Amino acid sequence: MTKLYRYPSVLSIAGFDGSGGAGIQADIKTISALGCYATTVLTALPVQNTQGVRNILPIPEQIVEEQLYAILDDIPPDAIKIGMVHTPTLVYTLSGVLKQYPGIPIIFDPVMIASSGDALITRETIETIKEQLFPMSEVITPNMDEAMALTGRSIHTTEDMYGAMPALAELGAATVLLKGGHLKSDILTSLFIDRKGEIHTFRSPRFDTPNTHGSGCTLSSAIASFRALGMDLLPALEQAQQYVQEAIKNALDVQTGKGHGPLNHLFAPRPMALFER
């Protein structure tokens, strides 16, 4: 019997989080909550909980490559989210495969700096990412620490963020969303520079909560989900940030674990969307 419909699909290429708040687990929850079908490719197996990372087991590049082909050849994604990419060899593996599947929006969350401030990847890996993956990406979503690592600039205030946008725009990605979650203010500001060089400003209230573990993963996978649903990029960015704000707000009074708890990804799940085949 011929099937009439399919689900909009989002592929998450990211690391593991056994505590369920970040990485592939956060992506699956987000993509599903927004009415899309989640597929995944695992790049690394961190041993972590809400209190921090205890160890990281890398996934062999050949296995990552085989995972990619297995998904891309069977369930073609309408959008792709990339998260943790920790070695130059893995960068080349991803770019070598993905360039064979052009036209799919790629949302890249450059996971480079831990919440402790420690670097998670080497300078060589950062340079390889800039060379290989940024040119393939529709939008990259660095936070302020990651933007400093990418540009070499000091970025601590809203004014610093505005000043850094031209340098971020020159990194090779089509567009850039600079997240301002690390600003020390009651109102958080994020900046988006589009293909024409125009800067768009997003503002939102800061919530006094430790439950923000995985917010960057959630945002990037939400952007990918709204793009998979057919939304243009700017509205997708707006909707994704609103979703993250509501997911944080709905987790304010919940304790999960002894450290930084997760968002409430499932505060208002949507039915699975249907596309005609």
C-alpha atoms as a PDB file:
ATOM      1  CA  MET A   1       0.000   0.000   0.000  1.00  0.00           C
ATOM      2  CA  THR A   2       1.409   3.392  -0.998  1.00  0.00           C
ATOM      3  CA  LYS A   3       1.829   5.754   1.940  1.00  0.00           C
ATOM      4  CA  LEU A   4       0.520   9.289   1.496  1.00  0.00           C
ATOM      5  CA  TYR A   5       2.509  11.146   4.155  1.00  0.00           C
ATOM      6  CA  ARG A   6       5.872  11.461   5.827  1.00  0.00           C
ATOM      7  CA  TYR A   7       7.112  13.222   8.955  1.00  0.00           C
ATOM      8  CA  PRO A   8       9.426  16.246   8.676  1.00  0.00           C
ATOM      9  CA  SER A   9      12.779  14.849   9.785  1.00  0.00           C
ATOM     10  CA  VAL A  10      15.680  16.411  11.694  1.00  0.00           C
ATOM     11  CA  LEU A  11      19.068  14.721  12.004  1.00  0.00           C
ATOM     12  CA  SER A  12      21.067  15.457  15.164  1.00  0.00           C
ATOM     13  CA  ILE A  13      24.829  14.859  14.907  1.00  0.00           C
ATOM     14  CA  ALA A  14      25.999  15.261  18.486  1.00  0.00           C
ATOM     15  CA  GLY A  15      27.361  13.755  21.691  1.00  0.00           C
ATOM     16  CA  PHE A  16      25.600  11.699  24.370  1.00  0.00           C
ATOM     17  CA  ASP A  17      24.271  12.870  27.731  1.00  0.00           C
ATOM     18  CA  GLY A  18      23.165  10.092  30.029  1.00  0.00           C
ATOM     19  CA  SER A  19      21.560  12.618  32.392  1.00  0.00           C
ATOM     20  CA  GLY A  20      19.138  13.507  29.607  1.00  0.00           C
ATOM     21  CA  GLY A  21      19.505  17.281  29.585  1.00  0.00           C
ATOM     22  CA  ALA A  22      21.915  18.010  26.753  1.00  0.00           C
ATOM     23  CA  GLY A  23      23.405  16.508  23.596  1.00  0.00           C
ATOM     24  CA  ILE A  24      21.451  14.000  21.556  1.00  0.00           C
ATOM     25  CA  GLN A  25      18.942  13.410  24.358  1.00  0.00           C
ATOM     26  CA  ALA A  26      18.000  17.107  24.471  1.00  0.00           C
ATOM     27  CA  ASP A  27      17.833  17.172  20.687  1.00  0.00           C
ATOM     28  CA  ILE A  28      15.488  14.180  20.498  1.00  0.00           C
ATOM     29  CA  LYS A  29      13.172  15.732  23.093  1.00  0.00           C
ATOM     30  CA  THR A  30      13.185  19.116  21.367  1.00  0.00           C
ATOM     31  CA  ILE A  31      12.662  17.784  17.847  1.00  0.00           C
ATOM     32  CA  SER A  32       9.853  15.513  19.034  1.00  0.00           C
ATOM     33  CA  ALA A  33       8.190  18.246  21.121  1.00  0.00           C
ATOM     34  CA  LEU A  34       8.075  20.492  18.045  1.00  0.00           C
ATOM     35  CA  GLY A  35       6.341  17.882  15.903  1.00  0.00           C
ATOM     36  CA  CYS A  36       9.264  16.514  13.879  1.00  0.00           C
ATOM     37  CA  TYR A  37      10.874  13.088  13.586  1.00  0.00           C
ATOM     38  CA  ALA A  38      14.328  12.822  15.221  1.00  0.00           C
ATOM     39  CA  THR A  39      17.181  10.762  13.831  1.00  0.00           C
ATOM     40  CA  THR A  40      20.661  10.738  15.342  1.00  0.00           C
ATOM     41  CA  VAL A  41      24.350  10.146  14.701  1.00  0.00           C
ATOM     42  CA  LEU A  42      26.498   9.792  17.818  1.00  0.00           C
ATOM     43  CA  THR A  43      29.916  11.514  17.741  1.00  0.00           C
ATOM     44  CA  ALA A  44      31.079  10.935  21.331  1.00  0.00           C
ATOM     45  CA  LEU A  45      30.039   9.230  24.552  1.00  0.00           C
ATOM     46  CA  PRO A  46      30.664  11.600  27.468  1.00  0.00           C
ATOM     47  CA  VAL A  47      30.182  10.175  30.942  1.00  0.00           C
ATOM     48  CA  GLN A  48      28.322  12.996  32.653  1.00  0.00           C
ATOM     49  CA  ASN A  49      25.477  14.066  34.887  1.00  0.00           C
ATOM     50  CA  THR A  50      24.031  17.403  36.012  1.00  0.00           C
ATOM     51  CA  GLN A  51      27.225  18.104  37.982  1.00  0.00           C
ATOM     52  CA  GLY A  52      29.735  17.762  35.151  1.00  0.00           C
ATOM     53  CA  VAL A  53      31.616  15.557  32.716  1.00  0.00           C
ATOM     54  CA  ARG A  54      33.594  12.656  34.211  1.00  0.00           C
ATOM     55  CA  ASN A  55      35.039  11.106  31.063  1.00  0.00           C
ATOM     56  CA  ILE A  56      34.602  11.096  27.280  1.00  0.00           C
ATOM     57  CA  LEU A  57      34.765   8.083  24.994  1.00  0.00           C
ATOM     58  CA  PRO A  58      35.207   9.152  21.351  1.00  0.00           C
ATOM     59  CA  ILE A  59      33.314   7.254  18.669  1.00  0.00           C
ATOM     60  CA  PRO A  60      35.622   5.967  15.869  1.00  0.00           C
ATOM     61  CA  GLU A  61      35.337   8.109  12.731  1.00  0.00           C
ATOM     62  CA  GLN A  62      34.474   5.081  10.577  1.00  0.00           C
ATOM     63  CA  ILE A  63      31.495   4.333  12.813  1.00  0.00           C
ATOM     64  CA  VAL A  64      30.358   7.965  12.617  1.00  0.00           C
ATOM     65  CA  GLU A  65      30.627   7.798   8.832  1.00  0.00           C
ATOM     66  CA  GLU A  66      28.641   4.552   8.687  1.00  0.00           C
ATOM     67  CA  GLN A  67      25.956   6.056  10.937  1.00  0.00           C
ATOM     68  CA  LEU A  68      25.688   9.061   8.631  1.00  0.00           C
ATOM     69  CA  TYR A  69      25.237   7.036   5.466  1.00  0.00           C
ATOM     70  CA  ALA A  70      22.771   4.694   7.189  1.00  0.00           C
ATOM     71  CA  ILE A  71      20.480   7.612   8.098  1.00  0.00           C
ATOM     72  CA  LEU A  72      20.987   9.877   5.075  1.00  0.00           C
ATOM     73  CA  ASP A  73      20.299   7.082   2.598  1.00  0.00           C
ATOM     74  CA  ASP A  74      17.164   5.901   4.389  1.00  0.00           C
ATOM     75  CA  ILE A  75      15.469   8.857   6.123  1.00  0.00           C
ATOM     76  CA  PRO A  76      16.569  12.034   4.310  1.00  0.00           C
ATOM     77  CA  PRO A  77      16.479  14.923   6.802  1.00  0.00           C
ATOM     78  CA  ASP A  78      14.757  18.237   6.156  1.00  0.00           C
ATOM     79  CA  ALA A  79      17.335  19.904   8.421  1.00  0.00           C
ATOM     80  CA  ILE A  80      20.526  18.909  10.244  1.00  0.00           C
ATOM     81  CA  LYS A  81      21.809  20.025  13.634  1.00  0.00           C
ATOM     82  CA  ILE A  82      25.511  19.539  14.418  1.00  0.00           C
ATOM     83  CA  GLY A  83      26.800  19.712  17.984  1.00  0.00           C
ATOM     84  CA  MET A  84      29.902  18.153  19.519  1.00  0.00           C
ATOM     85  CA  VAL A  85      32.734  17.670  16.987  1.00  0.00           C
ATOM     86  CA  HIS A  86      35.952  17.128  18.904  1.00  0.00           C
ATOM     87  CA  THR A  87      38.769  16.178  16.466  1.00  0.00           C
ATOM     88  CA  PRO A  88      39.995  17.417  13.060  1.00  0.00           C
ATOM     89  CA  THR A  89      39.601  13.917  11.624  1.00  0.00           C
ATOM     90  CA  LEU A  90      35.951  13.843  12.671  1.00  0.00           C
ATOM     91  CA  VAL A  91      35.428  17.257  11.079  1.00  0.00           C
ATOM     92  CA  TYR A  92      36.756  15.925   7.763  1.00  0.00           C
ATOM     93  CA  THR A  93      34.563  12.834   8.100  1.00  0.00           C
ATOM     94  CA  LEU A  94      31.421  14.929   8.555  1.00  0.00           C
ATOM     95  CA  SER A  95      32.208  17.409   5.800  1.00  0.00           C
ATOM     96  CA  GLY A  96      33.178  14.620   3.393  1.00  0.00           C
ATOM     97  CA  VAL A  97      29.816  12.919   3.801  1.00  0.00           C
ATOM     98  CA  LEU A  98      27.538  15.952   4.107  1.00  0.00           C
ATOM     99  CA  LYS A  99      28.847  17.648   0.963  1.00  0.00           C
ATOM    100  CA  GLN A 100      27.332  14.697  -0.932  1.00  0.00           C
ATOM    101  CA  TYR A 101      23.865  15.759   0.307  1.00  0.00           C
ATOM    102  CA  PRO A 102      23.632  19.457  -0.623  1.00  0.00           C
ATOM    103  CA  GLY A 103      20.633  21.680  -0.043  1.00  0.00           C
ATOM    104  CA  ILE A 104      19.825  20.572   3.508  1.00  0.00           C
ATOM    105  CA  PRO A 105      19.884  23.441   6.046  1.00  0.00           C
ATOM    106  CA  ILE A 106      22.675  22.825   8.574  1.00  0.00           C
ATOM    107  CA  ILE A 107      22.452  24.428  12.017  1.00  0.00           C
ATOM    108  CA  PHE A 108      25.845  24.213  13.736  1.00  0.00           C
ATOM    109  CA  ASP A 109      26.197  24.735  17.488  1.00  0.00           C
ATOM    110  CA  PRO A 110      29.992  25.012  17.949  1.00  0.00           C
ATOM    111  CA  VAL A 111      30.456  23.271  21.293  1.00  0.00           C
ATOM    112  CA  MET A 112      33.945  24.479  22.241  1.00  0.00           C
ATOM    113  CA  ILE A 113      33.957  25.758  25.828  1.00  0.00           C
ATOM    114  CA  ALA A 114      32.698  23.987  28.961  1.00  0.00           C
ATOM    115  CA  SER A 115      30.611  25.872  31.520  1.00  0.00           C
ATOM    116  CA  SER A 116      33.742  25.838  33.710  1.00  0.00           C
ATOM    117  CA  GLY A 117      35.533  27.840  31.030  1.00  0.00           C
ATOM    118  CA  ASP A 118      37.775  24.935  30.007  1.00  0.00           C
ATOM    119  CA  ALA A 119      38.386  24.297  26.300  1.00  0.00           C
ATOM    120  CA  LEU A 120      36.747  21.095  25.062  1.00  0.00           C
ATOM    121  CA  ILE A 121      38.554  21.007  21.721  1.00  0.00           C
ATOM    122  CA  THR A 122      41.969  22.042  20.440  1.00  0.00           C
ATOM    123  CA  ARG A 123      42.855  25.092  18.388  1.00  0.00           C
ATOM    124  CA  GLU A 124      43.587  22.763  15.458  1.00  0.00           C
ATOM    125  CA  THR A 125      40.049  21.403  15.612  1.00  0.00           C
ATOM    126  CA  ILE A 126      38.595  24.913  15.766  1.00  0.00           C
ATOM    127  CA  GLU A 127      40.537  25.953  12.670  1.00  0.00           C
ATOM    128  CA  THR A 128      39.435  22.803  10.824  1.00  0.00           C
ATOM    129  CA  ILE A 129      35.806  23.457  11.761  1.00  0.00           C
ATOM    130  CA  LYS A 130      36.089  27.019  10.436  1.00  0.00           C
ATOM    131  CA  GLU A 131      37.556  25.724   7.190  1.00  0.00           C
ATOM    132  CA  GLN A 132      35.337  22.692   6.587  1.00  0.00           C
ATOM    133  CA  LEU A 133      31.993  22.993   8.388  1.00  0.00           C
ATOM    134  CA  PHE A 134      31.255  26.712   8.656  1.00  0.00           C
ATOM    135  CA  PRO A 135      30.979  27.181   4.864  1.00  0.00           C
ATOM    136  CA  MET A 136      28.380  24.380   4.812  1.00  0.00           C
ATOM    137  CA  SER A 137      26.310  25.878   7.631  1.00  0.00           C
ATOM    138  CA  GLU A 138      23.222  28.023   7.181  1.00  0.00           C
ATOM    139  CA  VAL A 139      23.716  29.421  10.673  1.00  0.00           C
ATOM    140  CA  ILE A 140      26.176  28.921  13.535  1.00  0.00           C
ATOM    141  CA  THR A 141      25.103  29.580  17.134  1.00  0.00           C
ATOM    142  CA  PRO A 142      28.136  30.359  19.342  1.00  0.00           C
ATOM    143  CA  ASN A 143      27.783  31.662  22.871  1.00  0.00           C
ATOM    144  CA  MET A 144      30.008  34.508  24.040  1.00  0.00           C
ATOM    145  CA  ASP A 145      32.883  32.276  25.192  1.00  0.00           C
ATOM    146  CA  GLU A 146      32.838  30.364  21.913  1.00  0.00           C
ATOM    147  CA  ALA A 147      32.715  33.612  19.943  1.00  0.00           C
ATOM    148  CA  MET A 148      35.836  34.764  21.803  1.00  0.00           C
ATOM    149  CA  ALA A 149      37.593  31.520  20.872  1.00  0.00           C
ATOM    150  CA  LEU A 150      36.547  31.942  17.242  1.00  0.00           C
ATOM    151  CA  THR A 151      37.498  35.601  16.840  1.00  0.00           C
ATOM    152  CA  GLY A 152      40.164  36.250  19.455  1.00  0.00           C
ATOM    153  CA  ARG A 153      38.151  39.253  20.631  1.00  0.00           C
ATOM    154  CA  SER A 154      37.098  40.110  24.188  1.00  0.00           C
ATOM    155  CA  ILE A 155      33.314  39.699  24.398  1.00  0.00           C
ATOM    156  CA  HIS A 156      31.756  40.417  27.803  1.00  0.00           C
ATOM    157  CA  THR A 157      29.118  43.100  27.218  1.00  0.00           C
ATOM    158  CA  THR A 158      26.351  43.845  24.752  1.00  0.00           C
ATOM    159  CA  GLU A 159      28.599  46.464  23.183  1.00  0.00           C
ATOM    160  CA  ASP A 160      31.332  43.837  22.755  1.00  0.00           C
ATOM    161  CA  MET A 161      28.787  41.572  21.062  1.00  0.00           C
ATOM    162  CA  TYR A 162      27.834  44.220  18.519  1.00  0.00           C
ATOM    163  CA  GLY A 163      31.511  44.911  17.874  1.00  0.00           C
ATOM    164  CA  ALA A 164      32.248  41.232  17.255  1.00  0.00           C
ATOM    165  CA  MET A 165      29.498  40.625  14.715  1.00  0.00           C
ATOM    166  CA  PRO A 166      31.494  41.660  11.601  1.00  0.00           C
ATOM    167  CA  ALA A 167      34.353  39.328  12.598  1.00  0.00           C
ATOM    168  CA  LEU A 168      31.907  36.472  13.205  1.00  0.00           C
ATOM    169  CA  ALA A 169      30.293  37.109   9.840  1.00  0.00           C
ATOM    170  CA  GLU A 170      33.676  36.653   8.170  1.00  0.00           C
ATOM    171  CA  LEU A 171      34.167  33.112   9.529  1.00  0.00           C
ATOM    172  CA  GLY A 172      32.502  31.513   6.509  1.00  0.00           C
ATOM    173  CA  ALA A 173      29.023  30.543   7.712  1.00  0.00           C
ATOM    174  CA  ALA A 174      26.078  32.066   5.844  1.00  0.00           C
ATOM    175  CA  THR A 175      24.691  33.655   9.027  1.00  0.00           C
ATOM    176  CA  VAL A 176      25.547  33.855  12.754  1.00  0.00           C
ATOM    177  CA  LEU A 177      23.443  33.902  15.922  1.00  0.00           C
ATOM    178  CA  LEU A 178      25.556  35.149  18.855  1.00  0.00           C
ATOM    179  CA  LYS A 179      23.890  34.011  22.089  1.00  0.00           C
ATOM    180  CA  GLY A 180      24.006  36.368  25.067  1.00  0.00           C
ATOM    181  CA  GLY A 181      23.120  33.963  27.842  1.00  0.00           C
ATOM    182  CA  HIS A 182      26.369  34.757  29.685  1.00  0.00           C
ATOM    183  CA  LEU A 183      25.604  38.466  29.970  1.00  0.00           C
ATOM    184  CA  LYS A 184      25.452  39.673  33.560  1.00  0.00           C
ATOM    185  CA  SER A 185      22.146  41.515  33.251  1.00  0.00           C
ATOM    186  CA  ASP A 186      18.450  41.003  33.894  1.00  0.00           C
ATOM    187  CA  ILE A 187      17.712  41.257  30.162  1.00  0.00           C
ATOM    188  CA  LEU A 188      19.596  38.902  27.857  1.00  0.00           C
ATOM    189  CA  THR A 189      20.461  39.995  24.336  1.00  0.00           C
ATOM    190  CA  SER A 190      21.249  37.772  21.358  1.00  0.00           C
ATOM    191  CA  LEU A 191      22.334  39.088  17.965  1.00  0.00           C
ATOM    192  CA  PHE A 192      21.793  37.650  14.500  1.00  0.00           C
ATOM    193  CA  ILE A 193      23.655  38.823  11.414  1.00  0.00           C
ATOM    194  CA  ASP A 194      21.967  37.812   8.173  1.00  0.00           C
ATOM    195  CA  ARG A 195      23.322  37.230   4.666  1.00  0.00           C
ATOM    196  CA  LYS A 196      23.071  40.939   3.880  1.00  0.00           C
ATOM    197  CA  GLY A 197      25.073  41.932   6.959  1.00  0.00           C
ATOM    198  CA  GLU A 198      22.033  43.307   8.778  1.00  0.00           C
ATOM    199  CA  ILE A 199      22.018  42.741  12.550  1.00  0.00           C
ATOM    200  CA  HIS A 200      18.788  41.653  14.266  1.00  0.00           C
ATOM    201  CA  THR A 201      18.433  41.952  18.048  1.00  0.00           C
ATOM    202  CA  PHE A 202      16.551  39.511  20.291  1.00  0.00           C
ATOM    203  CA  ARG A 203      15.914  40.290  23.959  1.00  0.00           C
ATOM    204  CA  SER A 204      14.499  38.099  26.698  1.00  0.00           C
ATOM    205  CA  PRO A 205      14.323  38.118  30.523  1.00  0.00           C
ATOM    206  CA  ARG A 206      16.859  36.199  32.574  1.00  0.00           C
ATOM    207  CA  PHE A 207      15.395  33.535  34.859  1.00  0.00           C
ATOM    208  CA  ASP A 208      17.083  32.988  38.219  1.00  0.00           C
ATOM    209  CA  THR A 209      17.569  29.225  37.929  1.00  0.00           C
ATOM    210  CA  PRO A 210      20.336  26.639  37.627  1.00  0.00           C
ATOM    211  CA  ASN A 211      18.119  24.615  35.279  1.00  0.00           C
ATOM    212  CA  THR A 212      19.742  25.654  32.013  1.00  0.00           C
ATOM    213  CA  HIS A 213      21.750  22.504  31.235  1.00  0.00           C
ATOM    214  CA  GLY A 214      21.508  21.835  27.518  1.00  0.00           C
ATOM    215  CA  SER A 215      19.975  25.181  26.551  1.00  0.00           C
ATOM    216  CA  GLY A 216      22.407  25.619  23.644  1.00  0.00           C
ATOM    217  CA  CYS A 217      21.699  22.131  22.314  1.00  0.00           C
ATOM    218  CA  THR A 218      17.988  22.772  22.679  1.00  0.00           C
ATOM    219  CA  LEU A 219      18.139  26.082  20.823  1.00  0.00           C
ATOM    220  CA  SER A 220      20.048  24.735  17.836  1.00  0.00           C
ATOM    221  CA  SER A 221      17.823  21.672  17.484  1.00  0.00           C
ATOM    222  CA  ALA A 222      14.736  23.891  17.807  1.00  0.00           C
ATOM    223  CA  ILE A 223      16.004  26.089  14.969  1.00  0.00           C
ATOM    224  CA  ALA A 224      16.576  22.967  12.883  1.00  0.00           C
ATOM    225  CA  SER A 225      13.060  21.746  13.709  1.00  0.00           C
ATOM    226  CA  PHE A 226      11.365  24.958  12.635  1.00  0.00           C
ATOM    227  CA  ARG A 227      13.444  24.978   9.438  1.00  0.00           C
ATOM    228  CA  ALA A 228      12.394  21.364   8.801  1.00  0.00           C
ATOM    229  CA  LEU A 229       8.775  22.451   9.182  1.00  0.00           C
ATOM    230  CA  GLY A 230       9.294  24.896   6.315  1.00  0.00           C
ATOM    231  CA  MET A 231       9.781  28.128   8.260  1.00  0.00           C
ATOM    232  CA  ASP A 232      12.178  30.782   6.946  1.00  0.00           C
ATOM    233  CA  LEU A 233      15.349  31.252   8.980  1.00  0.00           C
ATOM    234  CA  LEU A 234      14.564  34.493  10.816  1.00  0.00           C
ATOM    235  CA  PRO A 235      11.125  33.353  12.051  1.00  0.00           C
ATOM    236  CA  ALA A 236      12.701  29.989  12.932  1.00  0.00           C
ATOM    237  CA  LEU A 237      15.250  31.792  15.109  1.00  0.00           C
ATOM    238  CA  GLU A 238      12.508  33.791  16.820  1.00  0.00           C
ATOM    239  CA  GLN A 239      10.316  30.749  17.458  1.00  0.00           C
ATOM    240  CA  ALA A 240      13.262  28.654  18.680  1.00  0.00           C
ATOM    241  CA  GLN A 241      14.306  31.268  21.229  1.00  0.00           C
ATOM    242  CA  GLN A 242      10.729  31.571  22.484  1.00  0.00           C
ATOM    243  CA  TYR A 243      10.589  27.788  22.858  1.00  0.00           C
ATOM    244  CA  VAL A 244      13.807  27.747  24.914  1.00  0.00           C
ATOM    245  CA  GLN A 245      12.520  30.560  27.133  1.00  0.00           C
ATOM    246  CA  GLU A 246       9.303  28.652  27.841  1.00  0.00           C
ATOM    247  CA  ALA A 247      11.203  25.407  28.429  1.00  0.00           C
ATOM    248  CA  ILE A 248      13.380  27.164  31.031  1.00  0.00           C
ATOM    249  CA  LYS A 249      10.377  28.920  32.602  1.00  0.00           C
ATOM    250  CA  ASN A 250       8.506  25.638  32.959  1.00  0.00           C
ATOM    251  CA  ALA A 251      11.456  24.017  34.773  1.00  0.00           C
ATOM    252  CA  LEU A 252      11.960  26.761  37.378  1.00  0.00           C
ATOM    253  CA  ASP A 253      10.414  24.862  40.301  1.00  0.00           C
ATOM    254  CA  VAL A 254      11.802  21.417  39.438  1.00  0.00           C
ATOM    255  CA  GLN A 255      14.925  19.748  40.799  1.00  0.00           C
ATOM    256  CA  THR A 256      16.535  17.087  38.631  1.00  0.00           C
ATOM    257  CA  GLY A 257      19.904  15.964  39.933  1.00  0.00           C
ATOM    258  CA  LYS A 258      22.277  17.809  42.254  1.00  0.00           C
ATOM    259  CA  GLY A 259      23.736  20.259  39.737  1.00  0.00           C
ATOM    260  CA  HIS A 260      22.500  22.205  36.729  1.00  0.00           C
ATOM    261  CA  GLY A 261      19.161  20.646  35.875  1.00  0.00           C
ATOM    262  CA  PRO A 262      17.588  20.320  32.428  1.00  0.00           C
ATOM    263  CA  LEU A 263      14.930  22.375  30.709  1.00  0.00           C
ATOM    264  CA  ASN A 264      11.351  21.150  30.502  1.00  0.00           C
ATOM    265  CA  HIS A 265      11.388  20.244  26.814  1.00  0.00           C
ATOM    266  CA  LEU A 266       7.928  18.711  26.918  1.00  0.00           C
ATOM    267  CA  PHE A 267       5.968  21.594  28.459  1.00  0.00           C
ATOM    268  CA  ALA A 268       3.611  21.683  25.454  1.00  0.00           C
ATOM    269  CA  PRO A 269       4.395  18.935  22.927  1.00  0.00           C
ATOM    270  CA  ARG A 270       2.965  19.297  19.444  1.00  0.00           C
ATOM    271  CA  PRO A 271       1.440  16.522  17.349  1.00  0.00           C
ATOM    272  CA  MET A 272       3.724  15.105  14.685  1.00  0.00           C
ATOM    273  CA  ALA A 273       3.480  17.165  11.519  1.00  0.00           C
ATOM    274  CA  LEU A 274       2.629  15.419   8.252  1.00  0.00           C
ATOM    275  CA  PHE A 275       4.081  16.234   4.835  1.00  0.00           C
ATOM    276  CA  GLU A 276       2.670  14.849   1.622  1.00  0.00           C
ATOM    277  CA  ARG A 277       5.049  12.384   0.011  1.00  0.00           C
END
